[in-house]
PDB file of N, CA and C in Angstrom:
ATOM      1  N   MET A   1    -105.876   7.467 -95.576  1.00  0.00           N
ATOM      2  CA  MET A   1    -105.118   7.259 -97.431  1.00  0.00           C
ATOM      3  C   MET A   1    -103.962   8.476 -97.686  1.00  0.00           C
ATOM      4  N   SER A   2    -102.828   7.861 -98.012  1.00  0.00           N
ATOM      5  CA  SER A   2    -101.903   9.153 -98.677  1.00  0.00           C
ATOM      6  C   SER A   2    -102.415  10.009 -99.198  1.00  0.00           C
ATOM      7  N   GLU A   3    -101.642  10.943 -99.822  1.00  0.00           N
ATOM      8  CA  GLU A   3    -102.016  12.281-100.836  1.00  0.00           C
ATOM      9  C   GLU A   3    -101.770  11.544-102.472  1.00  0.00           C
ATOM     10  N   VAL A   4    -100.676  10.352-102.370  1.00  0.00           N
ATOM     11  CA  VAL A   4    -100.765  10.379-103.130  1.00  0.00           C
ATOM     12  C   VAL A   4    -101.775   9.159-104.102  1.00  0.00           C
ATOM     13  N   VAL A   5    -102.232   8.496-103.355  1.00  0.00           N
ATOM     14  CA  VAL A   5    -103.576   7.369-102.971  1.00  0.00           C
ATOM     15  C   VAL A   5    -105.001   8.464-103.653  1.00  0.00           C
ATOM     16  N   THR A   6    -104.671   9.609-102.841  1.00  0.00           N
ATOM     17  CA  THR A   6    -105.887  10.440-102.911  1.00  0.00           C
ATOM     18  C   THR A   6    -105.985  10.750-104.499  1.00  0.00           C
ATOM     19  N   ALA A   7    -105.125  11.167-105.145  1.00  0.00           N
ATOM     20  CA  ALA A   7    -104.809  12.087-106.279  1.00  0.00           C
ATOM     21  C   ALA A   7    -104.809  11.257-107.101  1.00  0.00           C
ATOM     22  N   ALA A   8    -104.526  10.243-107.194  1.00  0.00           N
ATOM     23  CA  ALA A   8    -105.122   8.392-108.145  1.00  0.00           C
ATOM     24  C   ALA A   8    -106.465   8.450-107.570  1.00  0.00           C
ATOM     25  N   VAL A   9    -106.648   8.312-107.202  1.00  0.00           N
ATOM     26  CA  VAL A   9    -108.890   7.868-107.210  1.00  0.00           C
ATOM     27  C   VAL A   9    -109.238   9.316-108.076  1.00  0.00           C
ATOM     28  N   THR A  10    -108.784  11.179-107.481  1.00  0.00           N
ATOM     29  CA  THR A  10    -109.105  12.005-108.211  1.00  0.00           C
ATOM     30  C   THR A  10    -108.494  11.953-110.058  1.00  0.00           C
ATOM     31  N   ALA A  11    -107.780  11.374-110.340  1.00  0.00           N
ATOM     32  CA  ALA A  11    -106.969  11.086-111.413  1.00  0.00           C
ATOM     33  C   ALA A  11    -107.896   9.506-112.488  1.00  0.00           C
ATOM     34  N   LEU A  12    -107.950   8.544-111.735  1.00  0.00           N
ATOM     35  CA  LEU A  12    -108.812   7.289-112.344  1.00  0.00           C
ATOM     36  C   LEU A  12    -109.868   7.961-112.338  1.00  0.00           C
ATOM     37  N   LYS A  13    -110.843   8.405-111.307  1.00  0.00           N
ATOM     38  CA  LYS A  13    -112.347   9.006-111.621  1.00  0.00           C
ATOM     39  C   LYS A  13    -112.555   9.813-112.802  1.00  0.00           C
ATOM     40  N   SER A  14    -111.583  10.410-113.030  1.00  0.00           N
ATOM     41  CA  SER A  14    -111.196  12.383-114.341  1.00  0.00           C
ATOM     42  C   SER A  14    -111.243  11.084-115.291  1.00  0.00           C
ATOM     43  N   LYS A  15    -109.843  10.583-115.418  1.00  0.00           N
ATOM     44  CA  LYS A  15    -109.932   9.225-116.235  1.00  0.00           C
ATOM     45  C   LYS A  15    -110.934   8.288-117.213  1.00  0.00           C
ATOM     46  N   MET A  16    -111.157   7.415-116.743  1.00  0.00           N
ATOM     47  CA  MET A  16    -112.474   6.780-116.713  1.00  0.00           C
ATOM     48  C   MET A  16    -113.964   7.412-117.112  1.00  0.00           C
ATOM     49  N   ALA A  17    -113.756   9.387-116.353  1.00  0.00           N
ATOM     50  CA  ALA A  17    -115.101   9.928-117.264  1.00  0.00           C
ATOM     51  C   ALA A  17    -116.101   9.134-117.890  1.00  0.00           C
ATOM     52  N   GLY A  18    -117.305   8.521-116.393  1.00  0.00           N
ATOM     53  CA  GLY A  18    -117.973   7.654-116.357  1.00  0.00           C
ATOM     54  C   GLY A  18    -118.661   6.109-117.023  1.00  0.00           C
ATOM     55  N   GLU A  19    -116.848   6.035-117.676  1.00  0.00           N
ATOM     56  CA  GLU A  19    -117.529   4.249-118.343  1.00  0.00           C
ATOM     57  C   GLU A  19    -117.255   3.723-117.038  1.00  0.00           C
ATOM     58  N   SER A  20    -117.458   2.217-117.260  1.00  0.00           N
ATOM     59  CA  SER A  20    -117.274   1.412-115.895  1.00  0.00           C
ATOM     60  C   SER A  20    -116.359   0.361-116.726  1.00  0.00           C
ATOM     61  N   PHE A  21    -115.842  -0.837-116.075  1.00  0.00           N
ATOM     62  CA  PHE A  21    -114.743  -1.207-116.466  1.00  0.00           C
ATOM     63  C   PHE A  21    -115.690  -2.610-115.462  1.00  0.00           C
ATOM     64  N   GLU A  22    -115.614  -3.370-116.404  1.00  0.00           N
ATOM     65  CA  GLU A  22    -116.063  -5.023-116.371  1.00  0.00           C
ATOM     66  C   GLU A  22    -115.317  -5.635-115.036  1.00  0.00           C
ATOM     67  N   GLY A  23    -115.122  -6.354-114.006  1.00  0.00           N
ATOM     68  CA  GLY A  23    -114.711  -6.491-113.314  1.00  0.00           C
ATOM     69  C   GLY A  23    -114.325  -5.908-112.228  1.00  0.00           C
ATOM     70  N   SER A  24    -113.084  -6.566-111.435  1.00  0.00           N
ATOM     71  CA  SER A  24    -112.575  -5.146-110.423  1.00  0.00           C
ATOM     72  C   SER A  24    -111.205  -5.638-111.293  1.00  0.00           C
ATOM     73  N   ALA A  25    -110.022  -4.488-110.041  1.00  0.00           N
ATOM     74  CA  ALA A  25    -109.063  -4.200-110.183  1.00  0.00           C
ATOM     75  C   ALA A  25    -108.132  -3.274-109.251  1.00  0.00           C
ATOM     76  N   LYS A  26    -106.927  -3.511-108.604  1.00  0.00           N
ATOM     77  CA  LYS A  26    -106.296  -2.847-107.814  1.00  0.00           C
ATOM     78  C   LYS A  26    -105.341  -2.338-108.579  1.00  0.00           C
ATOM     79  N   PHE A  27    -105.127  -1.308-108.543  1.00  0.00           N
ATOM     80  CA  PHE A  27    -103.829  -0.188-108.181  1.00  0.00           C
ATOM     81  C   PHE A  27    -102.616  -0.720-107.548  1.00  0.00           C
ATOM     82  N   VAL A  28    -101.405  -0.947-106.967  1.00  0.00           N
ATOM     83  CA  VAL A  28    -100.575  -1.076-105.734  1.00  0.00           C
ATOM     84  C   VAL A  28     -99.632   0.343-106.151  1.00  0.00           C
ATOM     85  N   ILE A  29     -99.349   1.677-105.360  1.00  0.00           N
ATOM     86  CA  ILE A  29     -98.166   2.229-105.451  1.00  0.00           C
ATOM     87  C   ILE A  29     -97.469   2.046-104.567  1.00  0.00           C
ATOM     88  N   GLU A  30     -95.988   0.995-104.504  1.00  0.00           N
ATOM     89  CA  GLU A  30     -95.307   0.988-103.982  1.00  0.00           C
ATOM     90  C   GLU A  30     -95.659   2.135-102.621  1.00  0.00           C
ATOM     91  N   ASP A  31     -95.231   1.724-101.478  1.00  0.00           N
ATOM     92  CA  ASP A  31     -95.081   2.605-100.216  1.00  0.00           C
ATOM     93  C   ASP A  31     -95.866   3.693-100.460  1.00  0.00           C
ATOM     94  N   GLU A  32     -96.805   3.696-100.982  1.00  0.00           N
ATOM     95  CA  GLU A  32     -98.365   4.538-100.642  1.00  0.00           C
ATOM     96  C   GLU A  32     -99.704   4.071-100.397  1.00  0.00           C
ATOM     97  N   GLY A  33    -100.045   3.393-101.297  1.00  0.00           N
ATOM     98  CA  GLY A  33    -101.212   2.662-100.787  1.00  0.00           C
ATOM     99  C   GLY A  33    -101.736   1.730-102.020  1.00  0.00           C
ATOM    100  N   SER A  34    -103.076   1.925-102.362  1.00  0.00           N
ATOM    101  CA  SER A  34    -103.403   0.592-103.292  1.00  0.00           C
ATOM    102  C   SER A  34    -105.264   1.291-103.545  1.00  0.00           C
ATOM    103  N   VAL A  35    -105.325   1.389-104.602  1.00  0.00           N
ATOM    104  CA  VAL A  35    -106.764   2.132-105.297  1.00  0.00           C
ATOM    105  C   VAL A  35    -107.527   1.339-105.578  1.00  0.00           C
ATOM    106  N   ILE A  36    -109.176   1.020-106.015  1.00  0.00           N
ATOM    107  CA  ILE A  36    -109.521  -0.374-106.604  1.00  0.00           C
ATOM    108  C   ILE A  36    -110.764   0.629-106.915  1.00  0.00           C
ATOM    109  N   ILE A  37    -110.340  -0.272-108.488  1.00  0.00           N
ATOM    110  CA  ILE A  37    -111.431   0.201-109.718  1.00  0.00           C
ATOM    111  C   ILE A  37    -112.617  -1.221-109.834  1.00  0.00           C
ATOM    112  N   GLU A  38    -114.201  -0.369-109.577  1.00  0.00           N
ATOM    113  CA  GLU A  38    -115.407  -1.457-109.855  1.00  0.00           C
ATOM    114  C   GLU A  38    -116.135  -1.194-109.808  1.00  0.00           C
ATOM    115  N   GLY A  39    -116.508  -1.830-111.597  1.00  0.00           N
ATOM    116  CA  GLY A  39    -117.428  -0.642-112.158  1.00  0.00           C
ATOM    117  C   GLY A  39    -117.083   0.001-112.727  1.00  0.00           C
ATOM    118  N   ASP A  40    -117.863   1.128-112.034  1.00  0.00           N
ATOM    119  CA  ASP A  40    -118.303   3.126-112.469  1.00  0.00           C
ATOM    120  C   ASP A  40    -117.504   3.264-111.245  1.00  0.00           C
ATOM    121  N   ASP A  41    -116.574   2.566-110.415  1.00  0.00           N
ATOM    122  CA  ASP A  41    -116.510   3.006-108.842  1.00  0.00           C
ATOM    123  C   ASP A  41    -115.086   2.820-108.894  1.00  0.00           C
ATOM    124  N   VAL A  42    -114.788   4.001-108.078  1.00  0.00           N
ATOM    125  CA  VAL A  42    -112.862   4.496-107.774  1.00  0.00           C
ATOM    126  C   VAL A  42    -112.636   4.363-106.219  1.00  0.00           C
ATOM    127  N   ARG A  43    -111.694   4.268-105.808  1.00  0.00           N
ATOM    128  CA  ARG A  43    -111.509   4.023-104.285  1.00  0.00           C
ATOM    129  C   ARG A  43    -110.729   3.780-103.986  1.00  0.00           C
ATOM    130  N   GLU A  44    -110.268   3.726-102.713  1.00  0.00           N
ATOM    131  CA  GLU A  44    -108.917   3.966-101.741  1.00  0.00           C
ATOM    132  C   GLU A  44    -109.427   2.153-100.956  1.00  0.00           C
ATOM    133  N   GLY A  45    -108.716   1.170-101.681  1.00  0.00           N
ATOM    134  CA  GLY A  45    -108.970   0.241-100.655  1.00  0.00           C
ATOM    135  C   GLY A  45    -108.048  -1.245-101.485  1.00  0.00           C
ATOM    136  N   ASP A  46    -108.056  -2.270-100.311  1.00  0.00           N
ATOM    137  CA  ASP A  46    -107.475  -3.086-100.242  1.00  0.00           C
ATOM    138  C   ASP A  46    -107.764  -4.445-100.331  1.00  0.00           C
ATOM    139  N   GLU A  47    -108.809  -4.399-101.066  1.00  0.00           N
ATOM    140  CA  GLU A  47    -109.581  -6.242-100.937  1.00  0.00           C
ATOM    141  C   GLU A  47    -109.554  -6.765-102.267  1.00  0.00           C
ATOM    142  N   ASP A  48    -109.531  -8.070-102.335  1.00  0.00           N
ATOM    143  CA  ASP A  48    -109.028  -8.702-103.350  1.00  0.00           C
ATOM    144  C   ASP A  48    -110.008  -8.633-104.457  1.00  0.00           C
ATOM    145  N   THR A  49    -109.020  -8.033-105.979  1.00  0.00           N
ATOM    146  CA  THR A  49    -109.532  -8.086-106.787  1.00  0.00           C
ATOM    147  C   THR A  49    -109.500  -8.867-108.188  1.00  0.00           C
ATOM    148  N   ASP A  50    -109.758  -9.101-109.503  1.00  0.00           N
ATOM    149  CA  ASP A  50    -109.978  -9.668-109.891  1.00  0.00           C
ATOM    150  C   ASP A  50    -108.138 -10.088-110.982  1.00  0.00           C
ATOM    151  N   VAL A  51    -107.445  -8.828-111.309  1.00  0.00           N
ATOM    152  CA  VAL A  51    -105.999  -8.470-111.176  1.00  0.00           C
ATOM    153  C   VAL A  51    -105.707  -7.934-110.313  1.00  0.00           C
ATOM    154  N   THR A  52    -104.136  -7.769-109.887  1.00  0.00           N
ATOM    155  CA  THR A  52    -103.328  -6.913-108.776  1.00  0.00           C
ATOM    156  C   THR A  52    -102.445  -5.819-110.045  1.00  0.00           C
ATOM    157  N   LEU A  53    -102.296  -4.806-110.017  1.00  0.00           N
ATOM    158  CA  LEU A  53    -101.195  -4.420-110.553  1.00  0.00           C
ATOM    159  C   LEU A  53    -100.103  -3.596-109.689  1.00  0.00           C
ATOM    160  N   THR A  54     -99.037  -3.660-110.393  1.00  0.00           N
ATOM    161  CA  THR A  54     -98.062  -3.277-108.958  1.00  0.00           C
ATOM    162  C   THR A  54     -96.903  -2.316-109.215  1.00  0.00           C
ATOM    163  N   ALA A  55     -96.700  -1.069-109.077  1.00  0.00           N
ATOM    164  CA  ALA A  55     -95.916   0.241-110.574  1.00  0.00           C
ATOM    165  C   ALA A  55     -95.832   0.733-108.692  1.00  0.00           C
ATOM    166  N   ASP A  56     -94.008   2.185-109.216  1.00  0.00           N
ATOM    167  CA  ASP A  56     -93.770   2.545-108.554  1.00  0.00           C
ATOM    168  C   ASP A  56     -94.788   4.061-108.666  1.00  0.00           C
ATOM    169  N   GLN A  57     -94.726   4.947-107.822  1.00  0.00           N
ATOM    170  CA  GLN A  57     -95.534   6.574-107.888  1.00  0.00           C
ATOM    171  C   GLN A  57     -95.449   6.955-109.511  1.00  0.00           C
ATOM    172  N   GLU A  58     -94.146   7.006-109.845  1.00  0.00           N
ATOM    173  CA  GLU A  58     -93.480   7.807-111.117  1.00  0.00           C
ATOM    174  C   GLU A  58     -94.526   6.470-112.231  1.00  0.00           C
ATOM    175  N   THR A  59     -94.054   5.342-112.456  1.00  0.00           N
ATOM    176  CA  THR A  59     -94.825   4.779-113.095  1.00  0.00           C
ATOM    177  C   THR A  59     -96.222   4.876-113.071  1.00  0.00           C
ATOM    178  N   PHE A  60     -96.963   4.561-112.246  1.00  0.00           N
ATOM    179  CA  PHE A  60     -97.952   5.132-112.069  1.00  0.00           C
ATOM    180  C   PHE A  60     -98.218   6.111-112.517  1.00  0.00           C
ATOM    181  N   GLU A  61     -98.238   6.970-112.321  1.00  0.00           N
ATOM    182  CA  GLU A  61     -98.099   8.734-113.261  1.00  0.00           C
ATOM    183  C   GLU A  61     -98.041   8.941-114.215  1.00  0.00           C
ATOM    184  N   ALA A  62     -96.446   8.219-114.743  1.00  0.00           N
ATOM    185  CA  ALA A  62     -96.749   7.950-116.032  1.00  0.00           C
ATOM    186  C   ALA A  62     -98.034   6.790-116.764  1.00  0.00           C
ATOM    187  N   ILE A  63     -97.988   6.073-116.197  1.00  0.00           N
ATOM    188  CA  ILE A  63     -99.030   5.353-117.467  1.00  0.00           C
ATOM    189  C   ILE A  63    -100.658   6.102-117.050  1.00  0.00           C
ATOM    190  N   LEU A  64    -101.191   7.034-115.889  1.00  0.00           N
ATOM    191  CA  LEU A  64    -102.114   7.784-115.615  1.00  0.00           C
ATOM    192  C   LEU A  64    -102.585   8.962-117.020  1.00  0.00           C
ATOM    193  N   SER A  65    -101.037   9.622-117.112  1.00  0.00           N
ATOM    194  CA  SER A  65    -100.992  10.605-117.870  1.00  0.00           C
ATOM    195  C   SER A  65    -100.484  10.811-119.527  1.00  0.00           C
ATOM    196  N   GLY A  66    -100.593   8.979-119.570  1.00  0.00           N
ATOM    197  CA  GLY A  66    -100.575   9.056-120.543  1.00  0.00           C
ATOM    198  C   GLY A  66     -98.880   8.735-121.023  1.00  0.00           C
ATOM    199  N   ASP A  67     -97.890   9.078-121.352  1.00  0.00           N
ATOM    200  CA  ASP A  67     -96.805   8.998-121.153  1.00  0.00           C
ATOM    201  C   ASP A  67     -95.776   7.730-121.486  1.00  0.00           C
ATOM    202  N   LEU A  68     -97.176   6.600-120.595  1.00  0.00           N
ATOM    203  CA  LEU A  68     -95.984   5.412-120.691  1.00  0.00           C
ATOM    204  C   LEU A  68     -97.563   4.060-120.954  1.00  0.00           C
ATOM    205  N   ASN A  69     -97.271   3.799-121.858  1.00  0.00           N
ATOM    206  CA  ASN A  69     -97.923   2.786-122.061  1.00  0.00           C
ATOM    207  C   ASN A  69     -98.198   1.792-121.369  1.00  0.00           C
ATOM    208  N   PRO A  70     -99.280   0.890-120.942  1.00  0.00           N
ATOM    209  CA  PRO A  70     -99.295   0.261-119.931  1.00  0.00           C
ATOM    210  C   PRO A  70     -98.491  -1.365-120.452  1.00  0.00           C
ATOM    211  N   THR A  71     -98.933  -1.598-121.422  1.00  0.00           N
ATOM    212  CA  THR A  71     -98.067  -3.323-121.925  1.00  0.00           C
ATOM    213  C   THR A  71     -96.351  -2.575-122.443  1.00  0.00           C
ATOM    214  N   ALA A  72     -95.908  -1.200-122.205  1.00  0.00           N
ATOM    215  CA  ALA A  72     -94.232  -0.879-121.982  1.00  0.00           C
ATOM    216  C   ALA A  72     -93.807  -1.402-121.078  1.00  0.00           C
ATOM    217  N   ALA A  73     -94.690  -1.061-120.467  1.00  0.00           N
ATOM    218  CA  ALA A  73     -94.545  -0.595-118.749  1.00  0.00           C
ATOM    219  C   ALA A  73     -94.147  -1.969-118.335  1.00  0.00           C
ATOM    220  N   PHE A  74     -95.143  -3.237-118.583  1.00  0.00           N
ATOM    221  CA  PHE A  74     -95.108  -4.197-118.090  1.00  0.00           C
ATOM    222  C   PHE A  74     -94.238  -5.297-118.812  1.00  0.00           C
ATOM    223  N   MET A  75     -94.035  -4.893-120.236  1.00  0.00           N
ATOM    224  CA  MET A  75     -92.599  -5.686-120.685  1.00  0.00           C
ATOM    225  C   MET A  75     -91.566  -5.031-120.438  1.00  0.00           C
ATOM    226  N   GLY A  76     -91.649  -3.969-119.887  1.00  0.00           N
ATOM    227  CA  GLY A  76     -90.132  -3.171-119.721  1.00  0.00           C
ATOM    228  C   GLY A  76     -89.591  -3.678-118.042  1.00  0.00           C
ATOM    229  N   GLY A  77     -90.766  -3.867-117.257  1.00  0.00           N
ATOM    230  CA  GLY A  77     -90.880  -5.049-116.011  1.00  0.00           C
ATOM    231  C   GLY A  77     -91.158  -3.593-114.136  1.00  0.00           C
ATOM    232  N   LYS A  78     -91.326  -2.664-115.085  1.00  0.00           N
ATOM    233  CA  LYS A  78     -91.923  -1.359-114.138  1.00  0.00           C
ATOM    234  C   LYS A  78     -93.098  -1.200-113.520  1.00  0.00           C
ATOM    235  N   LEU A  79     -94.240  -2.427-114.331  1.00  0.00           N
ATOM    236  CA  LEU A  79     -95.720  -2.525-114.507  1.00  0.00           C
ATOM    237  C   LEU A  79     -95.655  -4.394-113.775  1.00  0.00           C
ATOM    238  N   ALA A  80     -95.747  -4.667-112.451  1.00  0.00           N
ATOM    239  CA  ALA A  80     -95.806  -6.063-112.524  1.00  0.00           C
ATOM    240  C   ALA A  80     -97.626  -5.911-112.524  1.00  0.00           C
ATOM    241  N   ILE A  81     -97.780  -7.692-113.167  1.00  0.00           N
ATOM    242  CA  ILE A  81     -99.493  -8.074-112.659  1.00  0.00           C
ATOM    243  C   ILE A  81     -99.561  -9.279-112.571  1.00  0.00           C
ATOM    244  N   ASP A  82    -100.923  -9.027-111.411  1.00  0.00           N
ATOM    245  CA  ASP A  82    -101.215 -10.615-111.170  1.00  0.00           C
ATOM    246  C   ASP A  82    -102.960 -11.140-111.292  1.00  0.00           C
ATOM    247  N   GLY A  83    -103.049 -12.467-111.577  1.00  0.00           N
ATOM    248  CA  GLY A  83    -104.553 -12.303-111.415  1.00  0.00           C
ATOM    249  C   GLY A  83    -104.802 -12.524-113.498  1.00  0.00           C
ATOM    250  N   ASP A  84    -105.886 -12.156-113.508  1.00  0.00           N
ATOM    251  CA  ASP A  84    -106.728 -12.135-115.065  1.00  0.00           C
ATOM    252  C   ASP A  84    -106.458 -11.155-115.629  1.00  0.00           C
ATOM    253  N   MET A  85    -105.278 -12.006-116.469  1.00  0.00           N
ATOM    254  CA  MET A  85    -104.422 -10.644-117.630  1.00  0.00           C
ATOM    255  C   MET A  85    -105.742 -10.457-118.713  1.00  0.00           C
ATOM    256  N   SER A  86    -106.666 -10.911-118.849  1.00  0.00           N
ATOM    257  CA  SER A  86    -107.759 -10.478-119.455  1.00  0.00           C
ATOM    258  C   SER A  86    -108.391  -9.432-118.883  1.00  0.00           C
ATOM    259  N   ALA A  87    -108.611  -9.260-117.759  1.00  0.00           N
ATOM    260  CA  ALA A  87    -109.283  -8.088-116.751  1.00  0.00           C
ATOM    261  C   ALA A  87    -107.932  -7.176-117.034  1.00  0.00           C
ATOM    262  N   ALA A  88    -106.510  -7.508-117.052  1.00  0.00           N
ATOM    263  CA  ALA A  88    -105.963  -6.224-117.447  1.00  0.00           C
ATOM    264  C   ALA A  88    -106.183  -5.412-118.983  1.00  0.00           C
ATOM    265  N   MET A  89    -106.081  -6.600-119.697  1.00  0.00           N
ATOM    266  CA  MET A  89    -106.206  -5.510-120.741  1.00  0.00           C
ATOM    267  C   MET A  89    -107.270  -5.003-120.883  1.00  0.00           C
ATOM    268  N   ARG A  90    -108.732  -5.578-120.722  1.00  0.00           N
ATOM    269  CA  ARG A  90    -109.792  -5.073-120.730  1.00  0.00           C
ATOM    270  C   ARG A  90    -109.510  -3.866-119.539  1.00  0.00           C
ATOM    271  N   LEU A  91    -108.637  -3.285-118.570  1.00  0.00           N
ATOM    272  CA  LEU A  91    -108.833  -2.089-118.349  1.00  0.00           C
ATOM    273  C   LEU A  91    -108.001  -1.479-119.117  1.00  0.00           C
ATOM    274  N   ALA A  92    -107.020  -1.506-119.392  1.00  0.00           N
ATOM    275  CA  ALA A  92    -106.210  -0.705-120.489  1.00  0.00           C
ATOM    276  C   ALA A  92    -107.002   0.434-121.606  1.00  0.00           C
ATOM    277  N   GLY A  93    -107.818  -0.834-121.685  1.00  0.00           N
ATOM    278  CA  GLY A  93    -109.149  -0.509-122.918  1.00  0.00           C
ATOM    279  C   GLY A  93    -109.663   0.962-122.686  1.00  0.00           C
ATOM    280  N   VAL A  94    -110.618   0.997-120.739  1.00  0.00           N
ATOM    281  CA  VAL A  94    -110.798   1.660-120.187  1.00  0.00           C
ATOM    282  C   VAL A  94    -110.394   3.175-119.817  1.00  0.00           C
ATOM    283  N   LEU A  95    -108.548   2.392-119.379  1.00  0.00           N
ATOM    284  CA  LEU A  95    -108.276   4.172-119.341  1.00  0.00           C
ATOM    285  C   LEU A  95    -107.037   4.864-120.600  1.00  0.00           C
ATOM    286  N   ALA A  96    -107.601   4.346-121.953  1.00  0.00           N
ATOM    287  CA  ALA A  96    -107.065   4.745-123.099  1.00  0.00           C
ATOM    288  C   ALA A  96    -107.487   6.170-123.220  1.00  0.00           C
TER     289      ALA A  96
END
């Protein structure tokens, strides 16, 4: 697992602060790896999920830090979403 993915897992666990996500989501960090969120579990992984969000490292870190709104990232072409859009919206609510 890359240092970026390890840091992402830690940051997402902190950001979720014990909240649970209904469904499953995968963040693909280009050239680094991927992180799975399922229920209250956050881990490195690459299995199929309800929704997959793909971004470069800089975009992903900006979303996690709150400097970039996920919707704005998607509308600006910095974040690709594949799969269940309602799951993506629920995830944005959990991470806000």
